[in-house]
């Protein structure tokens, strides 16, 4: 029975990297402009004119990334969990993504100044750290895969992929 790989298919990989690249770039550009690109006029500090547009694009990319994460959950997270593969870094990555989603929601809806400040710091730090977390997760997953020459690869009972078939099976009559 053919098995599905835990690797993303090409289309999902493209949407994943594309949406997260837009999120990362718009987030980092916003941080740079917000903290380093401010100017002072007679009324005080002013925001850079690109900040609102970067936030709008960041929000749009976040909605796209949420849809992509739904596909990733079905196509990658569930099968990897059942196959007991790379759970540690997967939990860290999933937790980080969950905190980014919740903090993004909080930045939009929280009203207390102190809560918004801490939510902003959390979102900023996790957003900048996320590429490293993703790279570590990928590296750990690939390093845990047995090579063709490893003893585990030659065992007949070794299952190095998800434990479900690529096509639905129907009982034979």
Protein backbone atom coordinates (compact mmCIF):
# COMPACT_ATOMS: atom_id res chain seq x y z
CA UNK A 1 0.00 0.00 0.00
CA UNK A 2 1.61 3.35 -1.01
CA UNK A 3 2.33 5.78 1.80
CA UNK A 4 2.31 9.57 1.84
CA UNK A 5 5.52 11.38 2.59
CA UNK A 6 5.54 13.98 5.34
CA UNK A 7 7.09 16.48 2.95
CA UNK A 8 4.82 19.15 1.56
CA UNK A 9 3.67 18.74 -2.03
CA UNK A 10 5.05 21.43 -4.35
CA UNK A 11 1.92 23.58 -4.39
CA UNK A 12 1.56 23.63 -0.61
CA UNK A 13 5.28 24.31 -0.25
CA UNK A 14 4.96 27.31 -2.59
CA UNK A 15 1.97 28.74 -0.71
CA UNK A 16 3.63 28.08 2.66
CA UNK A 17 6.93 29.78 1.85
CA UNK A 18 5.23 32.57 -0.12
CA UNK A 19 2.75 33.54 2.58
CA UNK A 20 5.30 33.30 5.37
CA UNK A 21 7.87 35.26 3.36
CA UNK A 22 5.37 38.10 2.90
CA UNK A 23 4.53 37.95 6.62
CA UNK A 24 8.19 38.05 7.63
CA UNK A 25 9.20 40.80 5.20
CA UNK A 26 6.25 43.07 5.96
CA UNK A 27 6.66 42.48 9.70
CA UNK A 28 10.39 43.24 9.73
CA UNK A 29 9.96 46.29 7.46
CA UNK A 30 7.21 47.59 9.75
CA UNK A 31 9.44 47.10 12.81
CA UNK A 32 12.33 48.94 11.16
CA UNK A 33 10.13 51.85 10.06
CA UNK A 34 8.23 51.97 13.35
CA UNK A 35 11.28 52.03 15.59
CA UNK A 36 13.95 53.56 13.35
CA UNK A 37 12.06 55.46 10.65
CA UNK A 38 10.11 57.91 12.76
CA UNK A 39 10.59 61.60 12.25
CA UNK A 40 9.82 64.45 14.58
CA UNK A 41 7.81 67.48 13.64
CA UNK A 42 6.29 70.29 15.69
CA UNK A 43 3.53 67.99 17.00
CA UNK A 44 5.92 65.20 18.07
CA UNK A 45 6.94 61.85 16.58
CA UNK A 46 5.23 60.87 13.35
CA UNK A 47 4.86 57.42 11.83
CA UNK A 48 6.33 56.58 8.46
CA UNK A 49 3.80 56.77 5.62
CA UNK A 50 4.42 53.10 4.66
CA UNK A 51 3.52 51.71 8.10
CA UNK A 52 -0.26 51.48 7.55
CA UNK A 53 0.23 49.82 4.14
CA UNK A 54 2.70 47.31 5.53
CA UNK A 55 0.24 46.42 8.31
CA UNK A 56 -2.58 45.95 5.79
CA UNK A 57 -0.43 43.67 3.62
CA UNK A 58 0.76 41.85 6.76
CA UNK A 59 -2.85 41.25 7.81
CA UNK A 60 -3.80 39.97 4.35
CA UNK A 61 -0.82 37.60 4.35
CA UNK A 62 -1.85 36.42 7.83
CA UNK A 63 -5.28 35.38 6.54
CA UNK A 64 -3.62 33.51 3.67
CA UNK A 65 -1.16 31.87 6.08
CA UNK A 66 -4.05 30.71 8.28
CA UNK A 67 -5.59 28.92 5.30
CA UNK A 68 -2.21 27.40 4.42
CA UNK A 69 -1.76 26.27 8.04
CA UNK A 70 -5.09 24.44 7.80
CA UNK A 71 -3.72 22.45 4.88
CA UNK A 72 -0.43 21.90 6.70
CA UNK A 73 -2.32 20.56 9.71
CA UNK A 74 -4.15 17.97 7.63
CA UNK A 75 -1.29 17.12 5.27
CA UNK A 76 1.68 17.23 7.65
CA UNK A 77 0.96 17.72 11.37
CA UNK A 78 -1.57 14.91 11.88
CA UNK A 79 0.36 12.29 9.89
CA UNK A 80 3.65 13.26 11.57
CA UNK A 81 2.07 13.06 15.01
CA UNK A 82 0.66 9.61 14.30
CA UNK A 83 4.02 8.49 12.92
CA UNK A 84 5.69 9.85 16.10
CA UNK A 85 8.09 11.95 14.06
CA UNK A 86 9.80 15.18 15.13
CA UNK A 87 7.29 15.89 17.89
CA UNK A 88 9.51 18.12 20.05
CA UNK A 89 10.32 20.78 17.49
CA UNK A 90 6.85 20.33 15.99
CA UNK A 91 5.26 21.24 19.32
CA UNK A 92 7.55 24.26 19.67
CA UNK A 93 6.71 25.38 16.14
CA UNK A 94 2.98 24.81 16.60
CA UNK A 95 3.02 26.62 19.95
CA UNK A 96 4.92 29.54 18.43
CA UNK A 97 2.46 29.77 15.55
CA UNK A 98 -0.45 29.61 18.00
CA UNK A 99 1.03 32.44 20.08
CA UNK A 100 1.62 34.50 16.93
CA UNK A 101 -2.00 33.99 15.87
CA UNK A 102 -3.34 34.89 19.31
CA UNK A 103 -1.02 37.88 19.72
CA UNK A 104 -1.95 39.12 16.23
CA UNK A 105 -5.60 38.91 17.24
CA UNK A 106 -4.74 40.67 20.50
CA UNK A 107 -2.95 43.52 18.74
CA UNK A 108 -6.12 44.14 16.80
CA UNK A 109 -8.62 43.82 19.66
CA UNK A 110 -6.90 44.33 23.05
CA UNK A 111 -7.49 47.75 24.53
CA UNK A 112 -5.33 48.06 27.69
CA UNK A 113 -2.04 49.85 27.02
CA UNK A 114 0.05 47.49 29.19
CA UNK A 115 -1.53 44.37 27.65
CA UNK A 116 -1.05 45.72 24.13
CA UNK A 117 2.60 46.55 24.86
CA UNK A 118 3.38 43.02 26.09
CA UNK A 119 1.36 41.47 23.28
CA UNK A 120 3.33 43.57 20.79
CA UNK A 121 6.68 42.48 22.24
CA UNK A 122 5.64 38.84 22.16
CA UNK A 123 4.43 39.12 18.56
CA UNK A 124 7.57 40.96 17.44
CA UNK A 125 10.02 38.52 19.05
CA UNK A 126 8.20 35.39 17.88
CA UNK A 127 7.72 36.79 14.39
CA UNK A 128 11.42 37.53 13.99
CA UNK A 129 12.40 34.16 15.53
CA UNK A 130 9.92 32.08 13.50
CA UNK A 131 12.18 31.47 10.47
CA UNK A 132 14.83 30.00 12.77
CA UNK A 133 12.21 27.80 14.50
CA UNK A 134 10.99 26.55 11.09
CA UNK A 135 14.54 25.84 9.86
CA UNK A 136 15.37 23.91 13.05
CA UNK A 137 12.15 21.88 12.68
CA UNK A 138 12.98 21.02 9.06
CA UNK A 139 16.60 20.20 9.90
CA UNK A 140 15.59 17.93 12.79
CA UNK A 141 12.99 16.20 10.64
CA UNK A 142 15.45 15.52 7.87
CA UNK A 143 18.17 14.38 10.25
CA UNK A 144 15.77 11.86 11.81
CA UNK A 145 14.98 10.23 8.47
CA UNK A 146 16.89 7.01 7.99
CA UNK A 147 19.22 6.92 5.01
CA UNK A 148 19.18 4.09 2.49
CA UNK A 149 22.24 2.56 4.14
CA UNK A 150 21.03 2.75 7.76
CA UNK A 151 19.89 -0.46 9.49
CA UNK A 152 16.44 1.03 10.16
CA UNK A 153 15.89 1.54 6.43
CA UNK A 154 16.31 -2.18 5.77
CA UNK A 155 13.85 -3.42 8.40
CA UNK A 156 10.64 -4.69 6.87
CA UNK A 157 8.55 -3.20 9.69
CA UNK A 158 10.17 0.23 9.42
CA UNK A 159 7.60 2.88 8.59
CA UNK A 160 9.30 6.15 7.74
CA UNK A 161 6.23 7.95 6.50
CA UNK A 162 2.71 8.69 7.61
CA UNK A 163 0.60 5.69 8.45
CA UNK A 164 -2.30 6.19 6.10
CA UNK A 165 -2.81 5.30 2.43
CA UNK A 166 -2.80 7.87 -0.36
CA UNK A 167 -6.15 6.66 -1.66
CA UNK A 168 -9.19 5.63 0.30
CA UNK A 169 -9.61 1.92 0.61
CA UNK A 170 -12.90 0.10 0.46
CA UNK A 171 -13.49 -3.32 1.96
CA UNK A 172 -13.36 -6.16 -0.56
CA UNK A 173 -16.45 -8.28 -0.90
